Amino acid sequence: HEQAMALVDMPQLLTLGAVENFVANTDAAFDKGTNYWYYDWALFPEGRQPRLYLGWDLDTTMQRKQVDRPVLGEGACHLRVGLVVEDEFFQAQYLTAYADLLNGPLALSETIPLLDALEPIVAPHVDADPYQTMGGAAGEFDRLREFFLVRTAHAQAELGACPDATCQPSENSCTCPADC
């Protein structure tokens, strides 16, 4: 625990895990322990900054069958288990980061307008691609809107609010960011 805080940018890593979970990336650092890079500042003489983790390979994200993934995840990866399942301190930070994302950049008031703005720009190019296999951009943008609507509702319902305004380790579906 202490080494992790000294060697890794834990807020950044926990936020990455929350984003991966929200977009249902089933082939990522927190789910399988794969498809990520890290930037280790300590390898450079002027370094001394904590390690950063960067996700990549997003081809398994935002699938309709994954909208009800538990907020704490499902995989047996050491990052997920060690940080958001077994460590109450990091779990509270993870849940707070998740709630902050849902109230900020991943809020429906941000994601749906972004999709609406991207569709007229991207759709003609997708539809003109002779090698695309998804069936058309309009249907794909509708599928993404549906994913965000359902996934957001599920995550918000699971995060919820603690009825007694306290955070208890046994209340794993509560975040109570203000109280943690």
Protein backbone atom coordinates (compact mmCIF):
# COMPACT_ATOMS: atom_id res chain seq x y z
CA HIS A 1 0.00 0.00 0.00
CA GLU A 2 2.70 2.51 1.01
CA GLN A 3 4.93 1.61 -1.94
CA ALA A 4 2.04 2.01 -4.36
CA MET A 5 1.38 5.54 -3.15
CA ALA A 6 5.07 6.45 -3.52
CA LEU A 7 5.71 4.78 -6.87
CA VAL A 8 2.41 5.11 -8.78
CA ASP A 9 0.14 8.08 -9.46
CA MET A 10 -2.71 6.35 -7.64
CA PRO A 11 -5.44 8.94 -8.39
CA GLN A 12 -4.62 8.61 -12.10
CA LEU A 13 -4.56 4.80 -11.98
CA LEU A 14 -7.83 4.58 -10.04
CA THR A 15 -9.45 7.03 -12.48
CA LEU A 16 -8.23 4.89 -15.38
CA GLY A 17 -9.83 1.87 -13.69
CA ALA A 18 -13.12 3.74 -13.26
CA VAL A 19 -13.15 4.83 -16.91
CA GLU A 20 -12.32 1.30 -18.06
CA ASN A 21 -15.15 -0.04 -15.94
CA PHE A 22 -17.64 2.57 -17.11
CA VAL A 23 -16.99 1.91 -20.81
CA ALA A 24 -17.02 -1.82 -20.03
CA ASN A 25 -13.55 -2.46 -21.38
CA THR A 26 -13.33 -6.20 -20.75
CA ASP A 27 -9.76 -6.45 -22.04
CA ALA A 28 -7.98 -3.83 -19.98
CA ALA A 29 -5.68 -3.16 -17.05
CA PHE A 30 -8.31 -3.53 -14.32
CA ASP A 31 -10.22 -6.41 -15.87
CA LYS A 32 -7.55 -8.70 -17.32
CA GLY A 33 -4.31 -6.91 -16.57
CA THR A 34 -3.67 -6.43 -20.28
CA ASN A 35 -3.65 -3.69 -22.89
CA TYR A 36 -2.00 -0.90 -20.99
CA TRP A 37 1.31 0.88 -21.07
CA TYR A 38 2.98 2.62 -18.20
CA TYR A 39 5.31 5.56 -18.19
CA ASP A 40 7.93 5.14 -15.53
CA TRP A 41 9.46 8.53 -14.83
CA ALA A 42 12.00 6.95 -12.44
CA LEU A 43 13.94 5.55 -15.42
CA PHE A 44 15.01 9.06 -16.33
CA PRO A 45 17.54 11.05 -14.28
CA GLU A 46 15.24 14.07 -13.97
CA GLY A 47 12.33 11.76 -13.11
CA ARG A 48 11.09 11.06 -9.59
CA GLN A 49 7.46 11.40 -10.53
CA PRO A 50 5.08 8.49 -9.91
CA ARG A 51 4.33 6.00 -12.66
CA LEU A 52 1.41 6.72 -15.02
CA TYR A 53 -0.75 4.01 -16.56
CA LEU A 54 -2.20 4.47 -20.05
CA GLY A 55 -4.94 2.33 -21.57
CA TRP A 56 -5.07 1.24 -25.20
CA ASP A 57 -6.84 -1.27 -27.44
CA LEU A 58 -10.46 -0.27 -26.90
CA ASP A 59 -12.08 -2.74 -29.28
CA THR A 60 -14.09 -4.53 -26.57
CA THR A 61 -15.71 -1.42 -25.11
CA MET A 62 -19.30 -0.18 -24.93
CA GLN A 63 -21.02 -3.47 -25.73
CA ARG A 64 -24.73 -3.70 -24.87
CA LYS A 65 -24.21 -6.99 -23.05
CA GLN A 66 -21.86 -5.25 -20.61
CA VAL A 67 -24.08 -2.37 -19.43
CA ASP A 68 -24.71 -4.02 -16.06
CA ARG A 69 -21.07 -4.69 -15.12
CA PRO A 70 -20.55 -4.16 -11.39
CA VAL A 71 -18.88 -0.84 -10.60
CA LEU A 72 -16.16 -2.70 -8.69
CA GLY A 73 -15.58 -4.92 -11.72
CA GLU A 74 -15.45 -8.65 -12.20
CA GLY A 75 -12.02 -9.76 -13.38
CA ALA A 76 -9.41 -11.48 -11.23
CA CYS A 77 -6.67 -9.05 -12.25
CA HIS A 78 -4.27 -8.13 -9.44
CA LEU A 79 -4.82 -4.40 -10.03
CA ARG A 80 -8.58 -4.63 -9.54
CA VAL A 81 -8.50 -7.13 -6.69
CA GLY A 82 -5.61 -5.53 -4.83
CA LEU A 83 -6.81 -1.96 -5.18
CA VAL A 84 -10.59 -1.77 -5.46
CA VAL A 85 -11.65 -4.97 -3.72
CA GLU A 86 -9.18 -5.60 -0.90
CA ASP A 87 -7.93 -2.11 -0.01
CA GLU A 88 -10.64 0.04 1.58
CA PHE A 89 -8.59 3.23 1.24
CA PHE A 90 -8.04 2.81 -2.51
CA GLN A 91 -11.59 1.52 -2.97
CA ALA A 92 -12.97 4.73 -1.48
CA GLN A 93 -10.75 6.78 -3.82
CA TYR A 94 -11.82 4.67 -6.80
CA LEU A 95 -15.52 5.07 -5.99
CA THR A 96 -15.08 8.80 -5.47
CA ALA A 97 -13.27 9.10 -8.83
CA TYR A 98 -16.07 7.09 -10.47
CA ALA A 99 -18.77 9.31 -8.99
CA ASP A 100 -16.84 12.44 -10.00
CA LEU A 101 -16.60 11.16 -13.58
CA LEU A 102 -20.34 10.47 -13.70
CA ASN A 103 -21.00 13.97 -12.40
CA GLY A 104 -18.45 15.52 -14.78
CA PRO A 105 -16.94 14.40 -18.08
CA LEU A 106 -18.95 11.14 -18.27
CA ALA A 107 -22.28 12.74 -17.34
CA LEU A 108 -25.04 12.25 -19.87
CA SER A 109 -25.13 16.03 -20.30
CA GLU A 110 -21.59 15.69 -21.72
CA THR A 111 -21.58 12.34 -23.55
CA ILE A 112 -24.85 12.59 -25.50
CA PRO A 113 -24.14 16.09 -26.91
CA LEU A 114 -20.64 14.92 -27.86
CA LEU A 115 -22.09 11.99 -29.81
CA ASP A 116 -24.64 14.34 -31.39
CA ALA A 117 -21.84 16.69 -32.47
CA LEU A 118 -19.60 13.89 -33.80
CA GLU A 119 -22.26 12.05 -35.77
CA PRO A 120 -22.61 14.48 -38.71
CA ILE A 121 -18.82 14.71 -38.98
CA VAL A 122 -17.95 11.03 -38.68
CA ALA A 123 -21.02 9.28 -40.13
CA PRO A 124 -20.45 10.13 -43.82
CA HIS A 125 -16.92 8.73 -43.63
CA VAL A 126 -18.00 5.55 -41.86
CA ASP A 127 -20.83 5.01 -44.32
CA ALA A 128 -18.47 5.59 -47.28
CA ASP A 129 -15.93 3.06 -46.03
CA PRO A 130 -16.23 0.00 -48.29
CA TYR A 131 -14.65 -2.18 -45.58
CA GLN A 132 -16.80 -1.22 -42.61
CA THR A 133 -18.78 -4.09 -41.17
CA MET A 134 -21.01 -2.43 -38.58
CA GLY A 135 -23.92 -1.72 -40.89
CA GLY A 136 -24.05 2.04 -40.89
CA ALA A 137 -23.10 4.95 -38.74
CA ALA A 138 -26.61 6.05 -37.71
CA GLY A 139 -27.33 2.70 -36.09
CA GLU A 140 -23.94 2.67 -34.39
CA PHE A 141 -24.40 6.17 -32.95
CA ASP A 142 -27.85 5.14 -31.69
CA ARG A 143 -26.29 2.06 -30.09
CA LEU A 144 -23.69 4.23 -28.36
CA ARG A 145 -26.35 6.63 -27.07
CA GLU A 146 -28.30 3.67 -25.70
CA PHE A 147 -25.14 2.29 -24.08
CA PHE A 148 -24.42 5.58 -22.31
CA LEU A 149 -28.02 5.96 -21.14
CA VAL A 150 -28.27 2.45 -19.72
CA ARG A 151 -24.71 2.22 -18.39
CA THR A 152 -24.98 5.59 -16.65
CA ALA A 153 -28.27 4.62 -15.01
CA HIS A 154 -26.81 1.30 -13.85
CA ALA A 155 -23.62 2.84 -12.47
CA GLN A 156 -25.49 5.64 -10.70
CA ALA A 157 -27.93 3.17 -9.15
CA GLU A 158 -25.08 0.98 -7.95
CA LEU A 159 -23.04 3.87 -6.58
CA GLY A 160 -26.12 5.33 -4.92
CA ALA A 161 -25.94 7.25 -1.71
CA CYS A 162 -25.51 5.78 1.72
CA PRO A 163 -28.81 6.05 3.58
CA ASP A 164 -27.12 6.86 6.89
CA ALA A 165 -24.60 9.29 5.31
CA THR A 166 -21.62 7.19 6.43
CA CYS A 167 -19.27 4.91 4.59
CA GLN A 168 -19.05 1.36 5.86
CA PRO A 169 -16.89 -1.28 4.18
CA SER A 170 -19.90 -3.59 4.12
CA GLU A 171 -21.84 -1.01 2.07
CA ASN A 172 -19.95 -1.67 -1.14
CA SER A 173 -22.64 -0.10 -3.28
CA CYS A 174 -22.26 3.29 -1.58
CA THR A 175 -19.66 5.89 -2.35
CA CYS A 176 -20.51 8.81 -0.08
CA PRO A 177 -17.56 10.74 -1.54
CA ALA A 178 -18.08 13.65 0.82
CA ASP A 179 -17.84 11.39 3.86
CA CYS A 180 -15.04 9.01 2.79
